[in-house]
Amino acid sequence: MDTQNLYCRGCFRTRNEIGGWVLMTNVEKMDVLKEIRQRRRESRLSEKLP
């Protein structure tokens, strides 16, 4: 887990998102996937900064 941002470094989901995934509707899962894309982008950008 990324302790600063509180999400998994592998899948980019939070603990709540991981634990609740099987109970989420497809709409909720799509929302999480949108968040994941944003987290990945932000993570890549922060890695490039000095």
N, C-alpha and C. Protein backbone atom coordinates (compact mmCIF):
# COMPACT_ATOMS: atom_id res chain seq x y z
N MET A 1 0.84 -1.20 0.00
CA MET A 1 0.00 0.00 0.00
C MET A 1 0.88 1.25 0.00
N ASP A 2 0.44 2.22 -0.75
CA ASP A 2 1.08 3.53 -0.74
C ASP A 2 0.55 4.25 0.49
N THR A 3 1.39 4.42 1.49
CA THR A 3 0.93 4.99 2.76
C THR A 3 0.61 6.47 2.67
N GLN A 4 1.16 7.16 1.69
CA GLN A 4 0.86 8.57 1.53
C GLN A 4 -0.51 8.76 0.88
N ASN A 5 -0.80 7.99 -0.17
CA ASN A 5 -2.04 8.15 -0.91
C ASN A 5 -3.12 7.14 -0.53
N LEU A 6 -2.75 6.14 0.26
CA LEU A 6 -3.68 5.14 0.79
C LEU A 6 -4.35 4.27 -0.27
N TYR A 7 -3.57 3.87 -1.29
CA TYR A 7 -4.07 2.91 -2.27
C TYR A 7 -2.98 1.90 -2.59
N CYS A 8 -3.38 0.78 -3.15
CA CYS A 8 -2.45 -0.29 -3.50
C CYS A 8 -1.54 0.17 -4.64
N ARG A 9 -0.27 -0.08 -4.51
CA ARG A 9 0.69 0.31 -5.55
C ARG A 9 0.56 -0.55 -6.80
N GLY A 10 -0.07 -1.69 -6.69
CA GLY A 10 -0.23 -2.59 -7.84
C GLY A 10 -1.49 -2.31 -8.63
N CYS A 11 -2.63 -2.25 -7.94
CA CYS A 11 -3.92 -2.09 -8.64
C CYS A 11 -4.50 -0.68 -8.51
N PHE A 12 -3.89 0.14 -7.67
CA PHE A 12 -4.30 1.54 -7.47
C PHE A 12 -5.69 1.69 -6.84
N ARG A 13 -6.18 0.64 -6.19
CA ARG A 13 -7.45 0.75 -5.48
C ARG A 13 -7.19 0.96 -4.00
N THR A 14 -8.14 1.64 -3.32
CA THR A 14 -8.05 1.81 -1.87
C THR A 14 -8.48 0.50 -1.20
N ARG A 15 -8.26 0.41 0.08
CA ARG A 15 -8.70 -0.78 0.81
C ARG A 15 -10.21 -0.96 0.72
N ASN A 16 -10.95 0.13 0.84
CA ASN A 16 -12.41 0.05 0.74
C ASN A 16 -12.84 -0.41 -0.64
N GLU A 17 -12.17 0.06 -1.67
CA GLU A 17 -12.51 -0.34 -3.03
C GLU A 17 -12.20 -1.82 -3.26
N ILE A 18 -11.09 -2.28 -2.73
CA ILE A 18 -10.72 -3.70 -2.86
C ILE A 18 -11.73 -4.57 -2.12
N GLY A 19 -12.01 -4.21 -0.86
CA GLY A 19 -12.93 -5.00 -0.04
C GLY A 19 -14.35 -5.00 -0.53
N GLY A 20 -14.78 -3.89 -1.11
CA GLY A 20 -16.17 -3.78 -1.54
C GLY A 20 -16.42 -4.13 -2.99
N TRP A 21 -15.36 -4.47 -3.72
CA TRP A 21 -15.48 -4.69 -5.17
C TRP A 21 -16.59 -5.68 -5.54
N VAL A 22 -16.66 -6.80 -4.85
CA VAL A 22 -17.64 -7.83 -5.22
C VAL A 22 -19.08 -7.39 -4.96
N LEU A 23 -19.26 -6.41 -4.09
CA LEU A 23 -20.60 -5.93 -3.78
C LEU A 23 -21.01 -4.71 -4.61
N MET A 24 -20.08 -4.15 -5.37
CA MET A 24 -20.36 -2.95 -6.14
C MET A 24 -21.17 -3.27 -7.39
N THR A 25 -21.97 -2.29 -7.78
CA THR A 25 -22.68 -2.39 -9.05
C THR A 25 -21.69 -2.12 -10.17
N ASN A 26 -22.09 -2.41 -11.39
CA ASN A 26 -21.22 -2.14 -12.53
C ASN A 26 -20.92 -0.65 -12.66
N VAL A 27 -21.89 0.18 -12.34
CA VAL A 27 -21.69 1.63 -12.40
C VAL A 27 -20.64 2.06 -11.38
N GLU A 28 -20.73 1.52 -10.17
CA GLU A 28 -19.75 1.84 -9.13
C GLU A 28 -18.36 1.36 -9.54
N LYS A 29 -18.28 0.17 -10.12
CA LYS A 29 -16.99 -0.34 -10.58
C LYS A 29 -16.40 0.55 -11.67
N MET A 30 -17.24 1.03 -12.58
CA MET A 30 -16.76 1.93 -13.63
C MET A 30 -16.23 3.23 -13.04
N ASP A 31 -16.88 3.72 -11.99
CA ASP A 31 -16.40 4.92 -11.30
C ASP A 31 -15.04 4.68 -10.68
N VAL A 32 -14.87 3.52 -10.06
CA VAL A 32 -13.58 3.17 -9.45
C VAL A 32 -12.52 3.07 -10.55
N LEU A 33 -12.83 2.46 -11.66
CA LEU A 33 -11.87 2.33 -12.75
C LEU A 33 -11.44 3.70 -13.29
N LYS A 34 -12.36 4.65 -13.32
CA LYS A 34 -12.00 6.02 -13.72
C LYS A 34 -11.02 6.63 -12.73
N GLU A 35 -11.29 6.40 -11.44
CA GLU A 35 -10.38 6.90 -10.40
C GLU A 35 -9.00 6.27 -10.53
N ILE A 36 -8.98 4.97 -10.82
CA ILE A 36 -7.71 4.25 -10.97
C ILE A 36 -6.89 4.88 -12.10
N ARG A 37 -7.53 5.16 -13.23
CA ARG A 37 -6.82 5.79 -14.35
C ARG A 37 -6.17 7.10 -13.92
N GLN A 38 -6.92 7.89 -13.17
CA GLN A 38 -6.39 9.17 -12.69
C GLN A 38 -5.23 8.96 -11.72
N ARG A 39 -5.37 8.01 -10.82
CA ARG A 39 -4.29 7.73 -9.86
C ARG A 39 -3.03 7.28 -10.58
N ARG A 40 -3.18 6.45 -11.61
CA ARG A 40 -2.01 6.00 -12.38
C ARG A 40 -1.32 7.18 -13.05
N ARG A 41 -2.12 8.05 -13.67
CA ARG A 41 -1.55 9.23 -14.33
C ARG A 41 -0.77 10.07 -13.33
N GLU A 42 -1.39 10.34 -12.19
CA GLU A 42 -0.73 11.14 -11.15
C GLU A 42 0.53 10.46 -10.64
N SER A 43 0.50 9.15 -10.51
CA SER A 43 1.66 8.40 -10.04
C SER A 43 2.81 8.51 -11.05
N ARG A 44 2.49 8.37 -12.32
CA ARG A 44 3.53 8.48 -13.36
C ARG A 44 4.12 9.87 -13.38
N LEU A 45 3.28 10.88 -13.25
CA LEU A 45 3.78 12.25 -13.24
C LEU A 45 4.69 12.51 -12.06
N SER A 46 4.31 12.01 -10.90
CA SER A 46 5.12 12.25 -9.70
C SER A 46 6.46 11.52 -9.77
N GLU A 47 6.50 10.39 -10.48
CA GLU A 47 7.77 9.66 -10.65
C GLU A 47 8.73 10.43 -11.53
N LYS A 48 8.22 11.23 -12.46
CA LYS A 48 9.06 11.97 -13.39
C LYS A 48 9.60 13.25 -12.77
N LEU A 49 8.95 13.73 -11.70
CA LEU A 49 9.41 14.95 -11.06
C LEU A 49 10.70 14.69 -10.28
N PRO A 50 11.60 15.68 -10.25
CA PRO A 50 12.87 15.49 -9.51
C PRO A 50 12.69 15.40 -8.02
